[in-house]
N, C-alpha and C. Protein backbone atom coordinates (compact mmCIF):
# COMPACT_ATOMS: atom_id res chain seq x y z
N MET A 1 0.82 -1.19 0.00
CA MET A 1 0.00 0.00 0.00
C MET A 1 0.87 1.26 0.00
N LEU A 2 1.92 1.25 0.82
CA LEU A 2 2.81 2.40 0.90
C LEU A 2 3.52 2.64 -0.43
N ARG A 3 3.93 1.55 -1.09
CA ARG A 3 4.59 1.67 -2.39
C ARG A 3 3.65 2.31 -3.42
N ARG A 4 2.40 1.89 -3.42
CA ARG A 4 1.43 2.45 -4.36
C ARG A 4 1.24 3.94 -4.10
N PHE A 5 1.18 4.31 -2.84
CA PHE A 5 1.00 5.72 -2.50
C PHE A 5 2.22 6.53 -2.94
N ALA A 6 3.44 6.01 -2.70
CA ALA A 6 4.66 6.68 -3.12
C ALA A 6 4.70 6.82 -4.64
N TYR A 7 4.31 5.75 -5.34
CA TYR A 7 4.27 5.79 -6.81
C TYR A 7 3.27 6.85 -7.28
N PHE A 8 2.12 6.93 -6.62
CA PHE A 8 1.10 7.92 -6.95
C PHE A 8 1.65 9.33 -6.77
N LEU A 9 2.37 9.59 -5.66
CA LEU A 9 2.93 10.91 -5.41
C LEU A 9 3.96 11.28 -6.47
N ILE A 10 4.80 10.34 -6.86
CA ILE A 10 5.80 10.61 -7.91
C ILE A 10 5.10 10.93 -9.22
N LEU A 11 4.12 10.13 -9.57
CA LEU A 11 3.38 10.35 -10.81
C LEU A 11 2.67 11.70 -10.77
N LEU A 12 2.07 12.04 -9.66
CA LEU A 12 1.39 13.32 -9.50
C LEU A 12 2.36 14.48 -9.66
N SER A 13 3.55 14.38 -9.07
CA SER A 13 4.53 15.46 -9.19
C SER A 13 5.01 15.62 -10.62
N VAL A 14 5.14 14.54 -11.36
CA VAL A 14 5.54 14.63 -12.76
C VAL A 14 4.46 15.31 -13.58
N VAL A 15 3.22 14.98 -13.33
CA VAL A 15 2.11 15.58 -14.07
C VAL A 15 2.00 17.07 -13.76
N ILE A 16 2.19 17.45 -12.52
CA ILE A 16 2.07 18.85 -12.13
C ILE A 16 3.23 19.67 -12.66
N VAL A 17 4.46 19.17 -12.57
CA VAL A 17 5.65 19.92 -12.92
C VAL A 17 5.96 19.87 -14.41
N ALA A 18 5.69 18.75 -15.07
CA ALA A 18 6.07 18.60 -16.48
C ALA A 18 5.28 19.55 -17.36
N PRO A 19 5.96 20.42 -18.10
CA PRO A 19 5.27 21.35 -18.97
C PRO A 19 4.79 20.66 -20.25
N SER A 20 3.74 21.20 -20.84
CA SER A 20 3.26 20.66 -22.10
C SER A 20 4.23 21.02 -23.21
N THR A 21 4.15 20.30 -24.33
CA THR A 21 5.02 20.58 -25.47
C THR A 21 4.79 22.00 -25.97
N ALA A 22 3.56 22.43 -26.05
CA ALA A 22 3.27 23.79 -26.51
C ALA A 22 3.87 24.83 -25.58
N THR A 23 3.80 24.61 -24.29
CA THR A 23 4.36 25.54 -23.33
C THR A 23 5.87 25.58 -23.44
N MET A 24 6.53 24.43 -23.62
CA MET A 24 7.99 24.39 -23.71
C MET A 24 8.48 25.12 -24.95
N GLN A 25 7.69 25.14 -26.02
CA GLN A 25 8.12 25.78 -27.25
C GLN A 25 7.92 27.29 -27.22
N ARG A 26 7.13 27.80 -26.30
CA ARG A 26 6.88 29.22 -26.21
C ARG A 26 8.16 29.94 -25.81
N GLN A 27 8.49 31.03 -26.46
CA GLN A 27 9.68 31.81 -26.15
C GLN A 27 9.32 32.92 -25.16
N VAL A 28 10.28 33.33 -24.37
CA VAL A 28 10.08 34.42 -23.43
C VAL A 28 9.99 35.74 -24.18
N ALA A 29 10.84 35.94 -25.18
CA ALA A 29 10.88 37.17 -25.97
C ALA A 29 11.54 36.84 -27.30
N PRO A 30 11.47 37.75 -28.26
CA PRO A 30 12.15 37.49 -29.54
C PRO A 30 13.64 37.27 -29.33
N PRO A 31 14.29 36.47 -30.20
CA PRO A 31 15.72 36.18 -30.05
C PRO A 31 16.55 37.45 -29.94
N MET A 32 17.45 37.47 -28.98
CA MET A 32 18.41 38.53 -28.72
C MET A 32 17.75 39.90 -28.47
N ALA A 33 16.52 39.90 -28.02
CA ALA A 33 15.85 41.15 -27.67
C ALA A 33 16.31 41.58 -26.28
N ARG A 34 16.68 42.83 -26.15
CA ARG A 34 17.12 43.34 -24.86
C ARG A 34 15.92 43.96 -24.14
N THR A 35 15.78 43.60 -22.88
CA THR A 35 14.68 44.15 -22.09
C THR A 35 15.23 44.65 -20.77
N ASN A 36 14.41 45.41 -20.07
CA ASN A 36 14.88 45.96 -18.80
C ASN A 36 14.39 45.17 -17.59
N ILE A 37 13.99 43.90 -17.79
CA ILE A 37 13.63 43.11 -16.62
C ILE A 37 14.90 42.67 -15.91
N GLY A 38 14.82 42.49 -14.63
CA GLY A 38 15.99 42.11 -13.87
C GLY A 38 15.61 41.72 -12.45
N PHE A 39 16.56 41.80 -11.56
CA PHE A 39 16.30 41.40 -10.19
C PHE A 39 17.30 42.01 -9.23
N LYS A 40 16.94 41.94 -7.98
CA LYS A 40 17.81 42.30 -6.86
C LYS A 40 17.55 41.23 -5.81
N LEU A 41 18.53 40.35 -5.61
CA LEU A 41 18.38 39.23 -4.68
C LEU A 41 19.59 39.12 -3.77
N LYS A 42 19.34 38.52 -2.61
CA LYS A 42 20.41 38.29 -1.64
C LYS A 42 20.95 36.87 -1.81
N ALA A 43 22.27 36.75 -1.76
CA ALA A 43 22.92 35.44 -1.79
C ALA A 43 22.90 34.85 -0.39
N ILE A 44 23.17 33.56 -0.30
CA ILE A 44 23.15 32.91 1.01
C ILE A 44 24.29 33.40 1.90
N ASP A 45 25.29 34.08 1.31
CA ASP A 45 26.36 34.66 2.13
C ASP A 45 26.03 36.09 2.57
N GLY A 46 24.83 36.59 2.20
CA GLY A 46 24.39 37.90 2.62
C GLY A 46 24.61 39.02 1.62
N LYS A 47 25.42 38.80 0.60
CA LYS A 47 25.69 39.82 -0.41
C LYS A 47 24.48 39.96 -1.33
N VAL A 48 24.20 41.20 -1.75
CA VAL A 48 23.07 41.48 -2.63
C VAL A 48 23.57 41.64 -4.06
N TYR A 49 22.85 41.02 -5.00
CA TYR A 49 23.17 41.11 -6.43
C TYR A 49 22.02 41.79 -7.13
N ASP A 50 22.34 42.82 -7.92
CA ASP A 50 21.34 43.64 -8.59
C ASP A 50 21.74 43.79 -10.04
N THR A 51 20.87 43.35 -10.96
CA THR A 51 21.20 43.43 -12.38
C THR A 51 21.30 44.86 -12.89
N SER A 52 20.78 45.81 -12.15
CA SER A 52 20.92 47.20 -12.58
C SER A 52 22.31 47.74 -12.25
N ALA A 53 23.12 46.94 -11.58
CA ALA A 53 24.48 47.35 -11.21
C ALA A 53 25.48 46.28 -11.63
N THR A 54 25.49 45.94 -12.92
CA THR A 54 26.38 44.88 -13.40
C THR A 54 27.83 45.33 -13.50
N GLY A 55 28.08 46.61 -13.44
CA GLY A 55 29.46 47.10 -13.47
C GLY A 55 30.19 46.77 -14.75
N GLY A 56 29.46 46.74 -15.87
CA GLY A 56 30.10 46.47 -17.15
C GLY A 56 30.39 45.00 -17.40
N GLU A 57 29.85 44.11 -16.56
CA GLU A 57 30.04 42.68 -16.73
C GLU A 57 28.84 42.05 -17.43
N VAL A 58 29.11 40.99 -18.17
CA VAL A 58 28.05 40.13 -18.70
C VAL A 58 27.69 39.18 -17.56
N TRP A 59 26.40 38.99 -17.32
CA TRP A 59 25.97 38.06 -16.27
C TRP A 59 25.30 36.85 -16.90
N VAL A 60 25.68 35.68 -16.41
CA VAL A 60 25.06 34.41 -16.78
C VAL A 60 24.39 33.90 -15.51
N VAL A 61 23.06 33.86 -15.52
CA VAL A 61 22.29 33.55 -14.32
C VAL A 61 21.52 32.26 -14.54
N SER A 62 21.86 31.25 -13.76
CA SER A 62 21.22 29.94 -13.86
C SER A 62 20.21 29.77 -12.73
N PHE A 63 19.02 29.30 -13.08
CA PHE A 63 17.98 29.00 -12.10
C PHE A 63 17.86 27.49 -11.98
N GLY A 64 17.78 26.99 -10.76
CA GLY A 64 17.65 25.55 -10.56
C GLY A 64 17.17 25.23 -9.16
N ALA A 65 17.31 23.96 -8.79
CA ALA A 65 16.88 23.48 -7.48
C ALA A 65 17.78 22.32 -7.06
N THR A 66 17.86 22.10 -5.76
CA THR A 66 18.73 21.04 -5.24
C THR A 66 18.25 19.65 -5.65
N TRP A 67 16.96 19.49 -5.92
CA TRP A 67 16.41 18.18 -6.28
C TRP A 67 16.52 17.88 -7.77
N CYS A 68 16.98 18.83 -8.55
CA CYS A 68 17.01 18.74 -10.01
C CYS A 68 18.34 18.17 -10.50
N THR A 69 18.33 16.94 -11.01
CA THR A 69 19.56 16.31 -11.49
C THR A 69 20.18 17.06 -12.67
N PRO A 70 19.41 17.45 -13.70
CA PRO A 70 20.02 18.22 -14.79
C PRO A 70 20.63 19.54 -14.32
N CYS A 71 20.09 20.12 -13.25
CA CYS A 71 20.65 21.35 -12.70
C CYS A 71 22.06 21.10 -12.16
N THR A 72 22.27 19.95 -11.57
CA THR A 72 23.59 19.59 -11.06
C THR A 72 24.58 19.46 -12.21
N TRP A 73 24.16 18.83 -13.30
CA TRP A 73 25.04 18.72 -14.48
C TRP A 73 25.36 20.11 -15.03
N GLU A 74 24.33 20.96 -15.06
CA GLU A 74 24.54 22.30 -15.59
C GLU A 74 25.55 23.06 -14.73
N LEU A 75 25.48 22.89 -13.42
CA LEU A 75 26.42 23.58 -12.54
C LEU A 75 27.86 23.15 -12.79
N VAL A 76 28.07 21.91 -13.19
CA VAL A 76 29.42 21.47 -13.57
C VAL A 76 29.89 22.31 -14.76
N ALA A 77 29.03 22.44 -15.77
CA ALA A 77 29.38 23.23 -16.96
C ALA A 77 29.61 24.69 -16.60
N ILE A 78 28.75 25.24 -15.74
CA ILE A 78 28.87 26.65 -15.35
C ILE A 78 30.19 26.89 -14.61
N GLU A 79 30.54 26.00 -13.72
CA GLU A 79 31.82 26.14 -13.00
C GLU A 79 33.01 26.09 -13.97
N GLU A 80 32.96 25.19 -14.95
CA GLU A 80 34.04 25.10 -15.94
C GLU A 80 34.10 26.37 -16.77
N LEU A 81 32.95 26.90 -17.16
CA LEU A 81 32.92 28.14 -17.93
C LEU A 81 33.43 29.32 -17.11
N LYS A 82 33.13 29.32 -15.83
CA LYS A 82 33.63 30.39 -14.96
C LYS A 82 35.15 30.43 -14.99
N GLU A 83 35.76 29.26 -14.98
CA GLU A 83 37.23 29.21 -15.05
C GLU A 83 37.74 29.71 -16.40
N GLU A 84 37.06 29.35 -17.48
CA GLU A 84 37.46 29.79 -18.82
C GLU A 84 37.41 31.31 -18.96
N TYR A 85 36.44 31.93 -18.33
CA TYR A 85 36.24 33.38 -18.44
C TYR A 85 36.80 34.13 -17.24
N ALA A 86 37.70 33.52 -16.51
CA ALA A 86 38.20 34.11 -15.26
C ALA A 86 38.78 35.51 -15.45
N ASN A 87 39.39 35.78 -16.57
CA ASN A 87 40.02 37.09 -16.78
C ASN A 87 39.18 38.01 -17.65
N LYS A 88 37.92 37.71 -17.79
CA LYS A 88 37.00 38.51 -18.61
C LYS A 88 35.88 39.07 -17.74
N PRO A 89 35.22 40.13 -18.21
CA PRO A 89 34.13 40.72 -17.42
C PRO A 89 32.84 39.90 -17.53
N VAL A 90 32.87 38.72 -16.94
CA VAL A 90 31.72 37.81 -16.95
C VAL A 90 31.50 37.31 -15.53
N ARG A 91 30.25 37.34 -15.08
CA ARG A 91 29.90 36.85 -13.74
C ARG A 91 28.85 35.75 -13.90
N PHE A 92 29.04 34.66 -13.15
CA PHE A 92 28.10 33.54 -13.15
C PHE A 92 27.42 33.47 -11.79
N LEU A 93 26.09 33.29 -11.79
CA LEU A 93 25.31 33.20 -10.56
C LEU A 93 24.37 32.00 -10.66
N TRP A 94 24.05 31.40 -9.51
CA TRP A 94 23.06 30.34 -9.46
C TRP A 94 21.96 30.75 -8.49
N ILE A 95 20.70 30.66 -8.95
CA ILE A 95 19.56 31.04 -8.13
C ILE A 95 18.69 29.81 -7.87
N SER A 96 18.53 29.47 -6.60
CA SER A 96 17.63 28.38 -6.22
C SER A 96 16.21 28.90 -6.23
N ILE A 97 15.31 28.15 -6.87
CA ILE A 97 13.90 28.55 -6.91
C ILE A 97 13.10 27.90 -5.78
N GLU A 98 13.77 27.23 -4.87
CA GLU A 98 13.10 26.54 -3.76
C GLU A 98 12.82 27.51 -2.62
N ASP A 99 11.68 27.32 -1.96
CA ASP A 99 11.41 28.15 -0.80
C ASP A 99 12.21 27.62 0.39
N GLU A 100 12.27 28.41 1.44
CA GLU A 100 13.11 28.07 2.59
C GLU A 100 12.63 26.85 3.35
N ARG A 101 11.36 26.50 3.22
CA ARG A 101 10.87 25.28 3.89
C ARG A 101 11.43 24.03 3.21
N ARG A 102 11.60 24.10 1.91
CA ARG A 102 12.10 22.94 1.16
C ARG A 102 13.63 22.86 1.21
N ALA A 103 14.27 24.02 1.15
CA ALA A 103 15.74 24.06 1.18
C ALA A 103 16.18 25.29 1.97
N SER A 104 16.54 25.07 3.21
CA SER A 104 17.01 26.16 4.06
C SER A 104 18.35 26.68 3.54
N ASN A 105 18.79 27.81 4.08
CA ASN A 105 20.11 28.33 3.69
C ASN A 105 21.20 27.32 4.04
N ASN A 106 21.05 26.61 5.15
CA ASN A 106 22.04 25.60 5.51
C ASN A 106 22.09 24.47 4.48
N ILE A 107 20.92 24.06 3.98
CA ILE A 107 20.88 23.02 2.95
C ILE A 107 21.54 23.54 1.67
N LEU A 108 21.25 24.79 1.29
CA LEU A 108 21.88 25.36 0.10
C LEU A 108 23.40 25.47 0.27
N LYS A 109 23.85 25.86 1.46
CA LYS A 109 25.29 25.94 1.72
C LYS A 109 25.93 24.55 1.61
N GLN A 110 25.27 23.54 2.15
CA GLN A 110 25.79 22.17 2.06
C GLN A 110 25.81 21.70 0.60
N TYR A 111 24.76 21.99 -0.13
CA TYR A 111 24.66 21.64 -1.56
C TYR A 111 25.83 22.27 -2.33
N ALA A 112 26.07 23.55 -2.08
CA ALA A 112 27.16 24.26 -2.76
C ALA A 112 28.52 23.67 -2.37
N LYS A 113 28.68 23.34 -1.10
CA LYS A 113 29.95 22.78 -0.62
C LYS A 113 30.20 21.41 -1.24
N GLU A 114 29.18 20.55 -1.27
CA GLU A 114 29.33 19.21 -1.83
C GLU A 114 29.68 19.24 -3.32
N ARG A 115 29.19 20.26 -4.02
CA ARG A 115 29.44 20.37 -5.46
C ARG A 115 30.60 21.30 -5.77
N ARG A 116 31.25 21.80 -4.73
CA ARG A 116 32.40 22.68 -4.85
C ARG A 116 32.10 23.91 -5.70
N LEU A 117 30.92 24.49 -5.46
CA LEU A 117 30.54 25.68 -6.21
C LEU A 117 31.33 26.89 -5.73
N THR A 118 31.84 27.63 -6.67
CA THR A 118 32.55 28.87 -6.37
C THR A 118 31.74 30.08 -6.82
N ILE A 119 30.60 29.83 -7.45
CA ILE A 119 29.75 30.93 -7.90
C ILE A 119 28.77 31.28 -6.77
N PRO A 120 28.32 32.53 -6.73
CA PRO A 120 27.35 32.92 -5.70
C PRO A 120 26.05 32.13 -5.84
N VAL A 121 25.48 31.76 -4.70
CA VAL A 121 24.22 31.04 -4.64
C VAL A 121 23.19 31.99 -4.04
N LEU A 122 22.14 32.28 -4.82
CA LEU A 122 21.08 33.18 -4.41
C LEU A 122 19.79 32.40 -4.22
N ARG A 123 18.78 33.07 -3.68
CA ARG A 123 17.50 32.41 -3.44
C ARG A 123 16.36 33.27 -3.99
N ASP A 124 15.45 32.60 -4.70
CA ASP A 124 14.23 33.23 -5.21
C ASP A 124 13.06 32.42 -4.66
N SER A 125 12.83 32.55 -3.35
CA SER A 125 11.86 31.71 -2.64
C SER A 125 10.45 31.77 -3.19
N ASP A 126 10.00 32.95 -3.59
CA ASP A 126 8.62 33.06 -4.06
C ASP A 126 8.49 32.88 -5.57
N GLY A 127 9.62 32.72 -6.26
CA GLY A 127 9.59 32.48 -7.70
C GLY A 127 9.28 33.71 -8.54
N ALA A 128 9.24 34.89 -7.93
CA ALA A 128 8.90 36.10 -8.68
C ALA A 128 9.96 36.45 -9.72
N VAL A 129 11.21 36.27 -9.39
CA VAL A 129 12.28 36.57 -10.36
C VAL A 129 12.23 35.55 -11.49
N PHE A 130 12.15 34.28 -11.14
CA PHE A 130 12.09 33.22 -12.15
C PHE A 130 10.92 33.44 -13.11
N ALA A 131 9.78 33.88 -12.61
CA ALA A 131 8.58 34.08 -13.42
C ALA A 131 8.78 35.14 -14.50
N GLN A 132 9.74 36.03 -14.33
CA GLN A 132 10.03 37.03 -15.36
C GLN A 132 10.59 36.39 -16.63
N PHE A 133 11.21 35.23 -16.48
CA PHE A 133 11.92 34.59 -17.59
C PHE A 133 11.21 33.35 -18.13
N SER A 134 10.23 32.83 -17.41
CA SER A 134 9.60 31.59 -17.84
C SER A 134 8.18 31.49 -17.30
N THR A 135 7.30 30.94 -18.14
CA THR A 135 5.93 30.70 -17.71
C THR A 135 5.75 29.26 -17.25
N THR A 136 6.82 28.45 -17.32
CA THR A 136 6.77 27.06 -16.86
C THR A 136 7.79 26.88 -15.75
N THR A 137 7.76 25.72 -15.11
CA THR A 137 8.74 25.45 -14.05
C THR A 137 9.89 24.60 -14.56
N ARG A 138 10.08 24.52 -15.86
CA ARG A 138 11.15 23.70 -16.41
C ARG A 138 12.51 24.32 -16.08
N ILE A 139 13.33 23.55 -15.40
CA ILE A 139 14.67 23.98 -15.03
C ILE A 139 15.66 22.89 -15.43
N PRO A 140 16.91 23.21 -15.59
CA PRO A 140 17.51 24.51 -15.38
C PRO A 140 17.10 25.51 -16.47
N LEU A 141 17.21 26.77 -16.11
CA LEU A 141 16.96 27.86 -17.03
C LEU A 141 18.10 28.84 -16.84
N VAL A 142 18.67 29.32 -17.93
CA VAL A 142 19.76 30.28 -17.82
C VAL A 142 19.37 31.55 -18.57
N ALA A 143 19.58 32.69 -17.89
CA ALA A 143 19.28 34.01 -18.45
C ALA A 143 20.60 34.75 -18.62
N PHE A 144 20.68 35.56 -19.67
CA PHE A 144 21.90 36.31 -19.98
C PHE A 144 21.62 37.81 -19.89
N PHE A 145 22.55 38.53 -19.27
CA PHE A 145 22.44 39.98 -19.12
C PHE A 145 23.66 40.63 -19.76
N ASP A 146 23.41 41.71 -20.53
CA ASP A 146 24.51 42.40 -21.19
C ASP A 146 25.24 43.29 -20.19
N ARG A 147 26.24 44.00 -20.66
CA ARG A 147 27.08 44.83 -19.79
C ARG A 147 26.33 45.99 -19.14
N GLU A 148 25.18 46.34 -19.71
CA GLU A 148 24.37 47.42 -19.13
C GLU A 148 23.30 46.89 -18.18
N GLY A 149 23.26 45.59 -17.97
CA GLY A 149 22.30 45.00 -17.05
C GLY A 149 20.97 44.65 -17.68
N ASN A 150 20.89 44.66 -19.02
CA ASN A 150 19.65 44.30 -19.72
C ASN A 150 19.59 42.81 -19.95
N PHE A 151 18.44 42.22 -19.68
CA PHE A 151 18.21 40.82 -20.02
C PHE A 151 18.19 40.70 -21.54
N VAL A 152 18.93 39.73 -22.06
CA VAL A 152 18.99 39.51 -23.50
C VAL A 152 18.28 38.19 -23.79
N ALA A 153 17.06 38.31 -24.32
CA ALA A 153 16.22 37.14 -24.59
C ALA A 153 16.69 36.41 -25.83
N PRO A 154 16.38 35.14 -25.92
CA PRO A 154 15.55 34.36 -25.00
C PRO A 154 16.40 33.73 -23.90
N ALA A 155 15.73 33.35 -22.83
CA ALA A 155 16.38 32.54 -21.80
C ALA A 155 16.49 31.13 -22.38
N HIS A 156 17.48 30.39 -21.94
CA HIS A 156 17.66 29.01 -22.43
C HIS A 156 17.13 28.05 -21.38
N ARG A 157 16.28 27.13 -21.84
CA ARG A 157 15.70 26.13 -20.95
C ARG A 157 16.35 24.77 -21.18
N GLY A 158 16.55 24.05 -20.10
CA GLY A 158 17.01 22.67 -20.19
C GLY A 158 18.52 22.55 -20.22
N MET A 159 18.95 21.30 -20.12
CA MET A 159 20.37 20.98 -20.10
C MET A 159 20.62 19.84 -21.06
N SER A 160 21.53 20.05 -21.99
CA SER A 160 21.91 18.99 -22.92
C SER A 160 22.57 17.86 -22.16
N SER A 161 22.35 16.64 -22.61
CA SER A 161 23.00 15.51 -21.95
C SER A 161 24.51 15.55 -22.19
N GLU A 162 24.93 16.34 -23.12
CA GLU A 162 26.36 16.48 -23.43
C GLU A 162 26.83 17.85 -22.92
N ILE A 163 27.64 17.84 -21.87
CA ILE A 163 28.10 19.08 -21.26
C ILE A 163 28.84 19.95 -22.25
N SER A 164 29.62 19.35 -23.14
CA SER A 164 30.39 20.14 -24.10
C SER A 164 29.46 20.93 -25.03
N GLU A 165 28.32 20.36 -25.41
CA GLU A 165 27.36 21.06 -26.26
C GLU A 165 26.73 22.23 -25.51
N TYR A 166 26.41 22.00 -24.25
CA TYR A 166 25.83 23.06 -23.44
C TYR A 166 26.82 24.22 -23.28
N LYS A 167 28.07 23.90 -23.00
CA LYS A 167 29.09 24.92 -22.85
C LYS A 167 29.27 25.70 -24.15
N LYS A 168 29.18 25.04 -25.27
CA LYS A 168 29.31 25.70 -26.58
C LYS A 168 28.17 26.71 -26.75
N LEU A 169 26.96 26.32 -26.39
CA LEU A 169 25.81 27.22 -26.48
C LEU A 169 26.02 28.46 -25.61
N VAL A 170 26.41 28.24 -24.35
CA VAL A 170 26.61 29.36 -23.42
C VAL A 170 27.75 30.24 -23.91
N ARG A 171 28.85 29.65 -24.37
CA ARG A 171 29.98 30.42 -24.90
C ARG A 171 29.54 31.34 -26.04
N GLY A 172 28.71 30.80 -26.93
CA GLY A 172 28.24 31.59 -28.06
C GLY A 172 27.49 32.83 -27.60
N ARG A 173 26.61 32.66 -26.61
CA ARG A 173 25.84 33.80 -26.10
C ARG A 173 26.74 34.79 -25.36
N VAL A 174 27.64 34.27 -24.52
CA VAL A 174 28.52 35.14 -23.74
C VAL A 174 29.46 35.90 -24.68
N ASP A 175 30.06 35.22 -25.62
CA ASP A 175 30.98 35.87 -26.55
C ASP A 175 30.28 36.97 -27.35
N ALA A 176 29.05 36.71 -27.80
CA ALA A 176 28.30 37.72 -28.54
C ALA A 176 28.05 38.95 -27.66
N LEU A 177 27.73 38.73 -26.39
CA LEU A 177 27.49 39.85 -25.49
C LEU A 177 28.77 40.61 -25.17
N LEU A 178 29.88 39.90 -25.04
CA LEU A 178 31.16 40.57 -24.80
C LEU A 178 31.56 41.42 -26.00
N ASN A 179 31.28 40.94 -27.18
CA ASN A 179 31.68 41.64 -28.40
C ASN A 179 30.70 42.73 -28.83
N ALA A 180 29.50 42.71 -28.31
CA ALA A 180 28.46 43.65 -28.73
C ALA A 180 28.89 45.10 -28.49
N GLY A 181 29.34 45.74 -29.54
CA GLY A 181 29.70 47.16 -29.47
C GLY A 181 30.89 47.47 -28.60
N GLN A 182 31.61 46.44 -28.17
CA GLN A 182 32.71 46.69 -27.24
C GLN A 182 34.09 46.54 -27.89
N GLY A 183 34.16 45.74 -28.95
CA GLY A 183 35.47 45.49 -29.56
C GLY A 183 36.40 44.76 -28.62
N VAL A 184 35.85 43.89 -27.76
CA VAL A 184 36.63 43.18 -26.76
C VAL A 184 36.91 41.77 -27.23
N THR A 185 38.12 41.27 -26.97
CA THR A 185 38.45 39.89 -27.27
C THR A 185 37.79 39.01 -26.23
N THR A 186 37.17 37.89 -26.67
CA THR A 186 36.47 37.03 -25.73
C THR A 186 37.39 36.05 -25.05
N GLY A 187 36.88 35.46 -23.95
CA GLY A 187 37.69 34.57 -23.15
C GLY A 187 37.40 33.11 -23.33
N GLY A 188 36.29 32.75 -23.96
CA GLY A 188 35.96 31.34 -24.09
C GLY A 188 36.81 30.68 -25.14
N ASN A 189 37.31 29.50 -24.84
CA ASN A 189 38.07 28.73 -25.80
C ASN A 189 37.14 27.92 -26.65
N ALA A 190 37.54 27.64 -27.88
CA ALA A 190 36.71 26.82 -28.76
C ALA A 190 36.74 25.38 -28.32
N ALA A 191 37.81 24.95 -27.73
CA ALA A 191 37.93 23.55 -27.27
C ALA A 191 37.44 23.45 -25.84
N ASN A 192 37.09 22.24 -25.45
CA ASN A 192 36.64 22.04 -24.07
C ASN A 192 37.83 21.79 -23.26
């Protein structure tokens, strides 16, 4: 009886969380459209991050959750990309979409420690920031901000099963933003 109930709960969570095909195909905004949506959130270390104050940096902002396996794979790619762009004006952030009842700050700190994250970990407990970029709960989702702090649509949903392909996609977006009207040499390598 307990197994059937557990199976029912898993099935119910998949039905509730899984977006429809039509919803997944919907774009947040036209490709490479710059908008003034953004956020101001506190990291678990207490520091506040505000997209209106990017300081001339390109921001790569990943949304995920501790229970999301593809999010963990994405964080591996994000950490590797952070190292590739270490000497460039690029900042990588991870935002947990879980509320504090599901994942306390201590749980998020432990999650970051176990995965050796060096990027700031922020929290969007009520999902208001995440909702600016997506009408579904499909994660991971990565949003890109130009040097002026403008969101550059579309946000990218999902994680390729091949980390090298995902990194190539992110590199392409970051390099385009670094080069946009700046005449700056980019930091991403073509090879993994």
